[in-house]
Amino acid sequence: MKEFTHIVKDEIGLHARPAGALSKIAKEFKSEIIVEKSGNQVNATKLMMLMGLGIKQNDLLTIKISGEDEQEALTAIQNFFINNL
């Protein structure tokens, strides 16, 4: 399993457009990608569940990735968070 943390910098947080993009990227991998905020965990492929986390600016997220292509998924998801959130 791979894991990293990220503090959201975007003023709006995780709104519909980046949540949709994150979900789309997560679906490209066989690995399970979990986004955790304040103890609540959701699968990154589930758009409405991601939105339900209510991710706002300065929130600390933990992203956990496990599966056969976890290293590739980690790179893609980290790049997404750095460039979009």
Protein backbone atom coordinates (compact mmCIF):
# COMPACT_ATOMS: atom_id res chain seq x y z
CA MET A 1 0.00 0.00 0.00
CA LYS A 2 1.13 3.53 -0.83
CA GLU A 3 -0.03 6.58 1.09
CA PHE A 4 0.46 10.34 1.07
CA THR A 5 -1.09 13.39 2.68
CA HIS A 6 -2.13 16.65 1.07
CA ILE A 7 -3.34 19.99 2.42
CA VAL A 8 -5.93 21.54 0.10
CA LYS A 9 -4.78 24.92 -1.20
CA ASP A 10 -7.62 25.71 -3.61
CA GLU A 11 -9.87 28.46 -2.22
CA ILE A 12 -13.02 26.60 -3.27
CA GLY A 13 -11.83 23.18 -2.13
CA LEU A 14 -12.88 20.03 -3.94
CA HIS A 15 -15.84 21.22 -6.01
CA ALA A 16 -17.58 19.40 -8.87
CA ARG A 17 -15.05 19.91 -11.66
CA PRO A 18 -11.91 18.69 -9.84
CA ALA A 19 -13.90 15.95 -8.08
CA GLY A 20 -15.02 14.67 -11.48
CA ALA A 21 -11.48 14.81 -12.81
CA LEU A 22 -10.14 12.95 -9.76
CA SER A 23 -12.80 10.26 -10.11
CA LYS A 24 -12.00 9.85 -13.80
CA ILE A 25 -8.27 9.44 -13.10
CA ALA A 26 -8.96 6.95 -10.29
CA LYS A 27 -11.06 4.81 -12.65
CA GLU A 28 -8.04 4.39 -14.95
CA PHE A 29 -6.31 2.17 -12.40
CA LYS A 30 -6.98 -1.29 -11.02
CA SER A 31 -5.79 -0.21 -7.59
CA GLU A 32 -8.22 0.93 -4.94
CA ILE A 33 -7.78 4.64 -4.23
CA ILE A 34 -9.18 5.92 -0.94
CA VAL A 35 -9.49 9.59 0.06
CA GLU A 36 -9.72 10.19 3.81
CA LYS A 37 -10.74 13.38 5.61
CA SER A 38 -11.21 13.54 9.38
CA GLY A 39 -11.57 9.77 9.65
CA ASN A 40 -14.15 9.50 6.85
CA GLN A 41 -12.96 7.39 3.92
CA VAL A 42 -14.40 7.17 0.41
CA ASN A 43 -13.39 5.45 -2.79
CA ALA A 44 -12.02 8.05 -5.22
CA THR A 45 -14.03 6.56 -8.09
CA LYS A 46 -17.31 7.53 -6.37
CA LEU A 47 -17.95 11.14 -7.39
CA MET A 48 -20.90 11.85 -5.11
CA MET A 49 -19.13 10.32 -2.12
CA LEU A 50 -16.09 12.50 -2.80
CA MET A 51 -18.30 15.56 -2.89
CA GLY A 52 -19.94 14.40 0.34
CA LEU A 53 -16.65 14.74 2.21
CA GLY A 54 -17.05 18.52 2.00
CA ILE A 55 -13.36 19.11 1.31
CA LYS A 56 -12.43 22.76 1.83
CA GLN A 57 -9.30 24.88 1.72
CA ASN A 58 -6.70 23.90 4.36
CA ASP A 59 -8.26 20.45 4.96
CA LEU A 60 -5.73 17.66 5.50
CA LEU A 61 -6.39 14.64 3.29
CA THR A 62 -4.80 11.21 3.39
CA ILE A 63 -4.79 9.26 0.14
CA LYS A 64 -4.29 5.50 0.34
CA ILE A 65 -3.62 3.41 -2.75
CA SER A 66 -3.38 -0.36 -2.86
CA GLY A 67 -3.31 -2.80 -5.76
CA GLU A 68 -1.26 -4.10 -8.61
CA ASP A 69 -0.62 -0.71 -10.26
CA GLU A 70 -0.36 1.33 -7.05
CA GLN A 71 2.93 3.04 -7.96
CA GLU A 72 1.55 4.35 -11.25
CA ALA A 73 -1.68 5.38 -9.54
CA LEU A 74 0.27 7.13 -6.78
CA THR A 75 2.20 9.20 -9.31
CA ALA A 76 -0.93 10.20 -11.23
CA ILE A 77 -3.00 11.02 -8.14
CA GLN A 78 -0.18 12.98 -6.47
CA ASN A 79 0.30 15.02 -9.65
CA PHE A 80 -3.43 15.70 -9.75
CA PHE A 81 -3.50 16.97 -6.16
CA ILE A 82 -0.37 19.12 -6.61
CA ASN A 83 -1.68 20.71 -9.82
CA ASN A 84 -5.36 21.09 -8.92
CA LEU A 85 -5.89 21.25 -5.19
